[in-house]
Amino acid sequence: MFSKRALGFLFFIASSELIRAKQQNAVIVMAGAAGMHPESRKFWTSAMPKINDSFDIANIHHITGPNGDCDKDMWVGEFTKLLNKLNINKPIWVTEAMTGKCKAVPTYINAFLNGAEIIFDVGINAPGPKMSKKERAELSDFFKKYDNFTVIKLENNDAEFTYKDNSKKTLSLK
């Protein structure tokens, strides 16, 4: 008899194998880590090595609690550390991003700086604390100005964005 956890791993691995058999070019995203709380970190430390060969994209969710508290990089830094500790080298997507009380643009930039490749916002219809209209407008303006980039943090607390054509833009994170 298998535990529920073991059955979940077997189901995930079997599903991945079936998907790859039917669609060789499929990109498989793991089940999203619900933050990096101690219990979540413990679970994923155990789970990731078992399912590592069965997914292409590592992903994490950042849903704020009812009080709107948030993490400065949507837990991407801690998730990246966990993946590195486990020698798992996969792109990271934030598939449920909610910034709560945190300022949206710096939070997104910090997530990118710590390893996020793609961030999917939960959107305006998600339950819980909403991003203000001002924050949403600032985030929208940010992506209009800074899109299709790689980003690094500079010593003076600025972020430098490099584009496919090697042009660069700098944004102050202060």
N, C-alpha and C. Protein backbone atom coordinates (compact mmCIF):
# COMPACT_ATOMS: atom_id res chain seq x y z
N MET A 1 0.84 -1.18 0.00
CA MET A 1 0.00 0.00 0.00
C MET A 1 0.89 1.24 0.00
N PHE A 2 0.54 2.22 -0.81
CA PHE A 2 1.29 3.46 -0.92
C PHE A 2 0.65 4.55 -0.06
N SER A 3 1.47 5.46 0.44
CA SER A 3 0.93 6.63 1.13
C SER A 3 0.33 7.58 0.10
N LYS A 4 -0.49 8.52 0.56
CA LYS A 4 -1.07 9.52 -0.35
C LYS A 4 0.04 10.29 -1.05
N ARG A 5 1.10 10.62 -0.32
CA ARG A 5 2.20 11.37 -0.90
C ARG A 5 2.89 10.56 -2.00
N ALA A 6 3.16 9.28 -1.72
CA ALA A 6 3.81 8.42 -2.72
C ALA A 6 2.93 8.27 -3.94
N LEU A 7 1.62 8.11 -3.73
CA LEU A 7 0.70 8.02 -4.87
C LEU A 7 0.71 9.30 -5.69
N GLY A 8 0.79 10.43 -5.02
CA GLY A 8 0.88 11.71 -5.73
C GLY A 8 2.12 11.77 -6.62
N PHE A 9 3.26 11.34 -6.09
CA PHE A 9 4.50 11.32 -6.88
C PHE A 9 4.35 10.39 -8.08
N LEU A 10 3.82 9.20 -7.83
CA LEU A 10 3.64 8.22 -8.91
C LEU A 10 2.70 8.76 -9.98
N PHE A 11 1.62 9.41 -9.55
CA PHE A 11 0.66 10.00 -10.49
C PHE A 11 1.33 11.09 -11.32
N PHE A 12 2.11 11.96 -10.66
CA PHE A 12 2.80 13.04 -11.37
C PHE A 12 3.78 12.46 -12.40
N ILE A 13 4.56 11.48 -12.00
CA ILE A 13 5.56 10.88 -12.90
C ILE A 13 4.88 10.17 -14.06
N ALA A 14 3.82 9.38 -13.77
CA ALA A 14 3.10 8.68 -14.84
C ALA A 14 2.45 9.67 -15.80
N SER A 15 1.88 10.75 -15.26
CA SER A 15 1.26 11.78 -16.12
C SER A 15 2.30 12.41 -17.03
N SER A 16 3.46 12.72 -16.46
CA SER A 16 4.53 13.32 -17.24
C SER A 16 4.97 12.38 -18.36
N GLU A 17 5.12 11.11 -18.05
CA GLU A 17 5.53 10.13 -19.07
C GLU A 17 4.49 10.03 -20.18
N LEU A 18 3.21 10.03 -19.82
CA LEU A 18 2.14 9.97 -20.81
C LEU A 18 2.13 11.22 -21.69
N ILE A 19 2.27 12.37 -21.07
CA ILE A 19 2.31 13.62 -21.83
C ILE A 19 3.46 13.60 -22.82
N ARG A 20 4.64 13.20 -22.36
CA ARG A 20 5.82 13.17 -23.26
C ARG A 20 5.65 12.15 -24.38
N ALA A 21 4.97 11.03 -24.09
CA ALA A 21 4.73 10.02 -25.13
C ALA A 21 3.80 10.55 -26.21
N LYS A 22 2.82 11.34 -25.80
CA LYS A 22 1.82 11.87 -26.74
C LYS A 22 2.24 13.19 -27.38
N GLN A 23 3.06 13.97 -26.69
CA GLN A 23 3.45 15.30 -27.16
C GLN A 23 4.92 15.54 -26.78
N GLN A 24 5.83 15.09 -27.63
CA GLN A 24 7.26 15.15 -27.31
C GLN A 24 7.76 16.56 -27.01
N ASN A 25 7.15 17.57 -27.59
CA ASN A 25 7.60 18.95 -27.39
C ASN A 25 6.89 19.66 -26.24
N ALA A 26 6.10 18.94 -25.48
CA ALA A 26 5.38 19.55 -24.37
C ALA A 26 6.36 20.10 -23.33
N VAL A 27 5.97 21.19 -22.70
CA VAL A 27 6.73 21.76 -21.59
C VAL A 27 5.90 21.51 -20.34
N ILE A 28 6.47 20.79 -19.40
CA ILE A 28 5.73 20.40 -18.20
C ILE A 28 6.16 21.26 -17.03
N VAL A 29 5.16 21.90 -16.42
CA VAL A 29 5.39 22.75 -15.26
C VAL A 29 5.02 21.93 -14.03
N MET A 30 5.93 21.92 -13.04
CA MET A 30 5.65 21.16 -11.80
C MET A 30 4.45 21.76 -11.07
N ALA A 31 3.91 21.04 -10.14
CA ALA A 31 2.86 21.57 -9.28
C ALA A 31 3.47 22.70 -8.46
N GLY A 32 2.84 23.84 -8.41
CA GLY A 32 3.44 25.03 -7.80
C GLY A 32 3.66 24.90 -6.30
N ALA A 33 4.86 25.25 -5.88
CA ALA A 33 5.17 25.32 -4.45
C ALA A 33 4.39 26.50 -3.88
N ALA A 34 3.64 26.25 -2.84
CA ALA A 34 2.82 27.31 -2.23
C ALA A 34 3.66 28.06 -1.21
N GLY A 35 4.56 28.87 -1.69
CA GLY A 35 5.44 29.64 -0.81
C GLY A 35 6.59 28.81 -0.29
N MET A 36 7.36 29.41 0.60
CA MET A 36 8.52 28.73 1.19
C MET A 36 8.41 28.74 2.71
N HIS A 37 7.19 28.53 3.21
CA HIS A 37 6.99 28.35 4.64
C HIS A 37 7.72 27.08 5.05
N PRO A 38 8.05 26.90 6.32
CA PRO A 38 8.81 25.71 6.74
C PRO A 38 8.21 24.38 6.27
N GLU A 39 6.89 24.23 6.38
CA GLU A 39 6.29 22.96 5.96
C GLU A 39 6.36 22.76 4.45
N SER A 40 6.23 23.85 3.69
CA SER A 40 6.35 23.78 2.23
C SER A 40 7.79 23.45 1.83
N ARG A 41 8.74 24.11 2.46
CA ARG A 41 10.17 23.86 2.17
C ARG A 41 10.50 22.39 2.47
N LYS A 42 10.00 21.88 3.59
CA LYS A 42 10.27 20.48 3.96
C LYS A 42 9.68 19.53 2.91
N PHE A 43 8.44 19.79 2.50
CA PHE A 43 7.80 18.94 1.49
C PHE A 43 8.60 18.95 0.19
N TRP A 44 8.93 20.16 -0.32
CA TRP A 44 9.60 20.23 -1.62
C TRP A 44 11.04 19.74 -1.57
N THR A 45 11.67 19.82 -0.40
CA THR A 45 13.01 19.24 -0.26
C THR A 45 12.95 17.73 -0.48
N SER A 46 11.89 17.12 -0.02
CA SER A 46 11.69 15.68 -0.21
C SER A 46 11.17 15.36 -1.61
N ALA A 47 10.24 16.15 -2.11
CA ALA A 47 9.55 15.84 -3.37
C ALA A 47 10.40 16.09 -4.61
N MET A 48 11.11 17.21 -4.63
CA MET A 48 11.82 17.61 -5.86
C MET A 48 12.77 16.54 -6.42
N PRO A 49 13.60 15.91 -5.60
CA PRO A 49 14.48 14.90 -6.17
C PRO A 49 13.70 13.73 -6.81
N LYS A 50 12.52 13.43 -6.29
CA LYS A 50 11.73 12.32 -6.80
C LYS A 50 11.09 12.64 -8.15
N ILE A 51 10.73 13.90 -8.36
CA ILE A 51 10.01 14.27 -9.59
C ILE A 51 10.86 15.09 -10.57
N ASN A 52 12.11 15.34 -10.22
CA ASN A 52 12.97 16.22 -11.01
C ASN A 52 12.99 15.90 -12.50
N ASP A 53 13.04 14.64 -12.86
CA ASP A 53 13.12 14.26 -14.27
C ASP A 53 11.77 14.34 -14.98
N SER A 54 10.72 14.68 -14.25
CA SER A 54 9.37 14.66 -14.81
C SER A 54 8.79 16.04 -15.10
N PHE A 55 9.58 17.08 -14.97
CA PHE A 55 9.09 18.43 -15.28
C PHE A 55 10.21 19.27 -15.86
N ASP A 56 9.82 20.33 -16.57
CA ASP A 56 10.77 21.23 -17.23
C ASP A 56 10.88 22.58 -16.54
N ILE A 57 9.80 23.02 -15.93
CA ILE A 57 9.72 24.35 -15.31
C ILE A 57 9.40 24.18 -13.83
N ALA A 58 10.24 24.76 -12.97
CA ALA A 58 9.93 24.81 -11.54
C ALA A 58 9.04 26.02 -11.31
N ASN A 59 8.06 25.87 -10.44
CA ASN A 59 7.23 27.06 -10.21
C ASN A 59 6.80 27.19 -8.76
N ILE A 60 6.54 28.45 -8.41
CA ILE A 60 6.16 28.80 -7.05
C ILE A 60 4.98 29.76 -7.12
N HIS A 61 4.15 29.71 -6.09
CA HIS A 61 3.03 30.63 -5.97
C HIS A 61 3.34 31.62 -4.84
N HIS A 62 2.89 32.85 -5.01
CA HIS A 62 3.00 33.82 -3.93
C HIS A 62 1.64 34.47 -3.74
N ILE A 63 0.86 33.86 -2.86
CA ILE A 63 -0.46 34.38 -2.53
C ILE A 63 -0.36 34.98 -1.13
N THR A 64 -0.73 36.23 -0.99
CA THR A 64 -0.65 36.86 0.32
C THR A 64 -1.81 36.39 1.19
N GLY A 65 -1.60 36.48 2.48
CA GLY A 65 -2.66 36.15 3.43
C GLY A 65 -3.69 37.26 3.49
N PRO A 66 -4.71 37.10 4.30
CA PRO A 66 -5.78 38.10 4.40
C PRO A 66 -5.27 39.49 4.81
N ASN A 67 -4.14 39.55 5.52
CA ASN A 67 -3.62 40.85 5.94
C ASN A 67 -2.77 41.52 4.86
N GLY A 68 -2.51 40.82 3.76
CA GLY A 68 -1.79 41.42 2.63
C GLY A 68 -0.28 41.38 2.75
N ASP A 69 0.26 40.73 3.80
CA ASP A 69 1.72 40.65 3.93
C ASP A 69 2.30 39.90 2.74
N CYS A 70 3.51 40.28 2.38
CA CYS A 70 4.14 39.67 1.22
C CYS A 70 5.63 39.51 1.45
N ASP A 71 6.27 38.82 0.55
CA ASP A 71 7.70 38.62 0.58
C ASP A 71 8.32 39.50 -0.50
N LYS A 72 9.48 40.09 -0.23
CA LYS A 72 10.09 41.08 -1.13
C LYS A 72 10.39 40.56 -2.53
N ASP A 73 10.51 39.23 -2.68
CA ASP A 73 10.78 38.68 -4.02
C ASP A 73 9.84 37.50 -4.35
N MET A 74 8.70 37.48 -3.69
CA MET A 74 7.69 36.44 -3.89
C MET A 74 8.25 35.05 -3.63
N TRP A 75 9.16 34.93 -2.68
CA TRP A 75 9.80 33.68 -2.25
C TRP A 75 10.72 33.07 -3.31
N VAL A 76 10.98 33.79 -4.38
CA VAL A 76 11.82 33.24 -5.44
C VAL A 76 13.25 33.00 -4.94
N GLY A 77 13.79 33.91 -4.13
CA GLY A 77 15.15 33.74 -3.62
C GLY A 77 15.29 32.46 -2.81
N GLU A 78 14.34 32.22 -1.90
CA GLU A 78 14.39 31.00 -1.08
C GLU A 78 14.16 29.75 -1.94
N PHE A 79 13.28 29.85 -2.93
CA PHE A 79 13.01 28.72 -3.82
C PHE A 79 14.26 28.41 -4.66
N THR A 80 14.92 29.45 -5.14
CA THR A 80 16.16 29.27 -5.90
C THR A 80 17.22 28.58 -5.04
N LYS A 81 17.35 29.01 -3.78
CA LYS A 81 18.31 28.37 -2.87
C LYS A 81 17.99 26.89 -2.69
N LEU A 82 16.71 26.57 -2.55
CA LEU A 82 16.31 25.18 -2.40
C LEU A 82 16.69 24.38 -3.65
N LEU A 83 16.37 24.90 -4.83
CA LEU A 83 16.71 24.20 -6.07
C LEU A 83 18.22 24.02 -6.18
N ASN A 84 18.98 25.05 -5.86
CA ASN A 84 20.44 24.95 -5.92
C ASN A 84 20.96 23.89 -4.96
N LYS A 85 20.42 23.88 -3.74
CA LYS A 85 20.82 22.89 -2.73
C LYS A 85 20.57 21.47 -3.23
N LEU A 86 19.50 21.29 -3.99
CA LEU A 86 19.14 19.98 -4.52
C LEU A 86 19.76 19.70 -5.89
N ASN A 87 20.60 20.62 -6.38
CA ASN A 87 21.24 20.50 -7.70
C ASN A 87 20.21 20.36 -8.82
N ILE A 88 19.15 21.14 -8.73
CA ILE A 88 18.11 21.16 -9.75
C ILE A 88 18.23 22.47 -10.50
N ASN A 89 18.49 22.37 -11.77
CA ASN A 89 18.71 23.55 -12.61
C ASN A 89 17.57 23.66 -13.63
N LYS A 90 16.51 24.35 -13.21
CA LYS A 90 15.33 24.52 -14.07
C LYS A 90 14.92 25.99 -14.05
N PRO A 91 14.30 26.46 -15.12
CA PRO A 91 13.74 27.81 -15.08
C PRO A 91 12.68 27.90 -14.00
N ILE A 92 12.51 29.09 -13.44
CA ILE A 92 11.51 29.31 -12.39
C ILE A 92 10.44 30.27 -12.90
N TRP A 93 9.20 29.84 -12.74
CA TRP A 93 8.07 30.70 -13.05
C TRP A 93 7.29 30.93 -11.75
N VAL A 94 6.82 32.15 -11.56
CA VAL A 94 5.88 32.45 -10.48
C VAL A 94 4.52 32.41 -11.16
N THR A 95 3.71 31.40 -10.84
CA THR A 95 2.47 31.21 -11.59
C THR A 95 1.24 31.76 -10.89
N GLU A 96 1.39 32.24 -9.68
CA GLU A 96 0.31 32.95 -9.00
C GLU A 96 0.95 34.05 -8.17
N ALA A 97 1.12 35.20 -8.78
CA ALA A 97 1.79 36.31 -8.10
C ALA A 97 0.77 37.30 -7.55
N MET A 98 0.88 37.53 -6.25
CA MET A 98 0.04 38.52 -5.58
C MET A 98 0.98 39.33 -4.69
N THR A 99 1.01 40.64 -4.87
CA THR A 99 1.97 41.45 -4.13
C THR A 99 1.43 41.99 -2.82
N GLY A 100 0.13 41.99 -2.62
CA GLY A 100 -0.42 42.46 -1.35
C GLY A 100 0.05 43.88 -1.03
N LYS A 101 0.59 44.07 0.18
CA LYS A 101 1.03 45.39 0.63
C LYS A 101 2.36 45.81 0.01
N CYS A 102 3.10 44.88 -0.58
CA CYS A 102 4.40 45.23 -1.18
C CYS A 102 4.21 46.05 -2.45
N LYS A 103 5.14 46.92 -2.72
CA LYS A 103 5.12 47.68 -3.96
C LYS A 103 5.36 46.71 -5.13
N ALA A 104 4.53 46.78 -6.13
CA ALA A 104 4.54 45.80 -7.21
C ALA A 104 5.85 45.80 -8.01
N VAL A 105 6.27 46.95 -8.51
CA VAL A 105 7.44 46.98 -9.39
C VAL A 105 8.70 46.47 -8.68
N PRO A 106 9.06 46.97 -7.50
CA PRO A 106 10.26 46.41 -6.84
C PRO A 106 10.13 44.93 -6.51
N THR A 107 8.93 44.48 -6.16
CA THR A 107 8.72 43.06 -5.84
C THR A 107 8.96 42.21 -7.09
N TYR A 108 8.41 42.61 -8.21
CA TYR A 108 8.63 41.89 -9.46
C TYR A 108 10.12 41.91 -9.84
N ILE A 109 10.75 43.06 -9.74
CA ILE A 109 12.18 43.15 -10.09
C ILE A 109 12.99 42.23 -9.19
N ASN A 110 12.72 42.25 -7.88
CA ASN A 110 13.45 41.37 -6.97
C ASN A 110 13.24 39.90 -7.31
N ALA A 111 12.02 39.54 -7.71
CA ALA A 111 11.77 38.16 -8.12
C ALA A 111 12.60 37.81 -9.36
N PHE A 112 12.65 38.71 -10.33
CA PHE A 112 13.48 38.46 -11.52
C PHE A 112 14.97 38.38 -11.15
N LEU A 113 15.41 39.27 -10.28
CA LEU A 113 16.82 39.27 -9.86
C LEU A 113 17.20 37.97 -9.15
N ASN A 114 16.23 37.35 -8.48
CA ASN A 114 16.51 36.13 -7.73
C ASN A 114 16.23 34.86 -8.52
N GLY A 115 15.88 34.99 -9.79
CA GLY A 115 15.79 33.79 -10.63
C GLY A 115 14.50 33.56 -11.37
N ALA A 116 13.46 34.35 -11.12
CA ALA A 116 12.21 34.14 -11.85
C ALA A 116 12.43 34.47 -13.32
N GLU A 117 11.93 33.62 -14.18
CA GLU A 117 12.00 33.85 -15.62
C GLU A 117 10.71 34.49 -16.12
N ILE A 118 9.59 34.03 -15.57
CA ILE A 118 8.26 34.53 -15.97
C ILE A 118 7.43 34.67 -14.70
N ILE A 119 6.59 35.71 -14.65
CA ILE A 119 5.69 35.92 -13.53
C ILE A 119 4.28 36.12 -14.07
N PHE A 120 3.35 35.32 -13.57
CA PHE A 120 1.94 35.45 -13.91
C PHE A 120 1.22 36.07 -12.72
N ASP A 121 0.67 37.24 -12.90
CA ASP A 121 -0.10 37.91 -11.86
C ASP A 121 -1.42 37.18 -11.68
N VAL A 122 -1.94 37.14 -10.45
CA VAL A 122 -3.23 36.47 -10.22
C VAL A 122 -4.38 37.22 -10.86
N GLY A 123 -4.20 38.50 -11.12
CA GLY A 123 -5.24 39.28 -11.78
C GLY A 123 -6.19 39.95 -10.80
N ILE A 124 -7.00 40.81 -11.34
CA ILE A 124 -7.86 41.65 -10.51
C ILE A 124 -9.05 40.90 -9.92
N ASN A 125 -9.39 39.72 -10.46
CA ASN A 125 -10.55 38.99 -9.96
C ASN A 125 -10.20 37.94 -8.92
N ALA A 126 -8.92 37.82 -8.56
CA ALA A 126 -8.52 36.84 -7.56
C ALA A 126 -9.02 37.27 -6.18
N PRO A 127 -9.34 36.29 -5.34
CA PRO A 127 -9.74 36.65 -3.98
C PRO A 127 -8.54 37.18 -3.20
N GLY A 128 -8.81 37.88 -2.13
CA GLY A 128 -7.73 38.37 -1.28
C GLY A 128 -7.41 39.83 -1.53
N PRO A 129 -6.36 40.33 -0.85
CA PRO A 129 -5.97 41.74 -0.98
C PRO A 129 -5.59 42.09 -2.42
N LYS A 130 -6.16 43.14 -2.91
CA LYS A 130 -5.92 43.55 -4.30
C LYS A 130 -4.76 44.53 -4.40
N MET A 131 -4.09 44.48 -5.54
CA MET A 131 -3.09 45.48 -5.86
C MET A 131 -3.87 46.77 -6.14
N SER A 132 -3.37 47.89 -5.63
CA SER A 132 -4.08 49.15 -5.85
C SER A 132 -4.05 49.50 -7.34
N LYS A 133 -4.98 50.36 -7.74
CA LYS A 133 -5.00 50.80 -9.14
C LYS A 133 -3.70 51.51 -9.50
N LYS A 134 -3.16 52.27 -8.55
CA LYS A 134 -1.90 52.97 -8.78
C LYS A 134 -0.76 51.96 -8.99
N GLU A 135 -0.69 50.94 -8.12
CA GLU A 135 0.36 49.91 -8.26
C GLU A 135 0.20 49.16 -9.59
N ARG A 136 -1.04 48.82 -9.95
CA ARG A 136 -1.26 48.10 -11.21
C ARG A 136 -0.85 48.97 -12.39
N ALA A 137 -1.13 50.26 -12.35
CA ALA A 137 -0.73 51.17 -13.43
C ALA A 137 0.79 51.27 -13.50
N GLU A 138 1.46 51.35 -12.34
CA GLU A 138 2.92 51.41 -12.32
C GLU A 138 3.53 50.12 -12.87
N LEU A 139 2.93 48.98 -12.54
CA LEU A 139 3.43 47.70 -13.05
C LEU A 139 3.23 47.63 -14.56
N SER A 140 2.07 48.08 -15.03
CA SER A 140 1.80 48.10 -16.46
C SER A 140 2.79 49.00 -17.20
N ASP A 141 3.04 50.19 -16.65
CA ASP A 141 4.01 51.11 -17.25
C ASP A 141 5.41 50.50 -17.26
N PHE A 142 5.77 49.81 -16.16
CA PHE A 142 7.08 49.16 -16.08
C PHE A 142 7.25 48.18 -17.23
N PHE A 143 6.24 47.34 -17.47
CA PHE A 143 6.38 46.34 -18.53
C PHE A 143 6.32 46.95 -19.93
N LYS A 144 5.72 48.11 -20.07
CA LYS A 144 5.76 48.79 -21.36
C LYS A 144 7.18 49.30 -21.65
N LYS A 145 7.87 49.76 -20.60
CA LYS A 145 9.22 50.30 -20.76
C LYS A 145 10.29 49.22 -20.73
N TYR A 146 10.08 48.20 -19.90
CA TYR A 146 11.10 47.17 -19.66
C TYR A 146 10.49 45.81 -19.95
N ASP A 147 10.61 45.35 -21.18
CA ASP A 147 10.07 44.05 -21.53
C ASP A 147 11.11 43.28 -22.33
N ASN A 148 11.04 41.95 -22.29
CA ASN A 148 12.01 41.10 -22.99
C ASN A 148 13.43 41.38 -22.56
N PHE A 149 13.73 41.17 -21.30
CA PHE A 149 15.01 41.57 -20.73
C PHE A 149 15.65 40.48 -19.89
N THR A 150 16.91 40.69 -19.60
CA THR A 150 17.57 40.05 -18.47
C THR A 150 17.94 41.19 -17.54
N VAL A 151 18.02 40.91 -16.26
CA VAL A 151 18.24 41.99 -15.29
C VAL A 151 19.30 41.57 -14.29
N ILE A 152 20.13 42.55 -13.91
CA ILE A 152 21.10 42.34 -12.84
C ILE A 152 21.00 43.52 -11.88
N LYS A 153 21.38 43.28 -10.62
CA LYS A 153 21.37 44.34 -9.63
C LYS A 153 22.76 44.97 -9.60
N LEU A 154 22.79 46.28 -9.65
CA LEU A 154 24.05 47.01 -9.61
C LEU A 154 24.38 47.39 -8.17
N GLU A 155 25.63 47.72 -7.92
CA GLU A 155 26.09 48.04 -6.57
C GLU A 155 25.33 49.21 -5.93
N ASN A 156 24.90 50.17 -6.71
CA ASN A 156 24.22 51.35 -6.16
C ASN A 156 22.71 51.13 -5.98
N ASN A 157 22.28 49.87 -5.94
CA ASN A 157 20.89 49.51 -5.74
C ASN A 157 20.01 49.88 -6.93
N ASP A 158 20.61 49.91 -8.11
CA ASP A 158 19.86 50.07 -9.34
C ASP A 158 19.75 48.70 -10.02
N ALA A 159 18.79 48.56 -10.91
CA ALA A 159 18.66 47.34 -11.71
C ALA A 159 19.01 47.70 -13.15
N GLU A 160 19.85 46.89 -13.77
CA GLU A 160 20.23 47.12 -15.16
C GLU A 160 19.56 46.06 -16.02
N PHE A 161 18.80 46.50 -17.01
CA PHE A 161 18.08 45.62 -17.91
C PHE A 161 18.83 45.56 -19.24
N THR A 162 19.10 44.36 -19.71
CA THR A 162 19.75 44.16 -21.01
C THR A 162 18.76 43.46 -21.92
N TYR A 163 18.65 43.96 -23.16
CA TYR A 163 17.69 43.44 -24.11
C TYR A 163 18.39 42.58 -25.16
N LYS A 164 17.58 41.90 -25.96
CA LYS A 164 18.12 41.00 -26.99
C LYS A 164 19.09 41.70 -27.93
N ASP A 165 18.87 42.98 -28.19
CA ASP A 165 19.77 43.72 -29.09
C ASP A 165 20.99 44.29 -28.34
N ASN A 166 21.19 43.87 -27.07
CA ASN A 166 22.28 44.31 -26.19
C ASN A 166 22.17 45.75 -25.72
N SER A 167 21.06 46.42 -26.01
CA SER A 167 20.86 47.76 -25.43
C SER A 167 20.55 47.59 -23.95
N LYS A 168 20.77 48.66 -23.17
CA LYS A 168 20.60 48.59 -21.73
C LYS A 168 19.79 49.78 -21.23
N LYS A 169 19.05 49.55 -20.14
CA LYS A 169 18.33 50.59 -19.42
C LYS A 169 18.57 50.34 -17.94
N THR A 170 18.62 51.42 -17.16
CA THR A 170 18.81 51.31 -15.73
C THR A 170 17.59 51.90 -15.02
N LEU A 171 17.18 51.25 -13.94
CA LEU A 171 16.05 51.70 -13.14
C LEU A 171 16.48 51.70 -11.69
N SER A 172 16.24 52.79 -11.00
CA SER A 172 16.56 52.89 -9.56
C SER A 172 15.55 52.09 -8.75
N LEU A 173 16.05 51.27 -7.82
CA LEU A 173 15.18 50.49 -6.95
C LEU A 173 14.94 51.20 -5.62
N LYS A 174 15.41 52.42 -5.50
CA LYS A 174 15.29 53.16 -4.24
C LYS A 174 13.89 53.64 -4.01
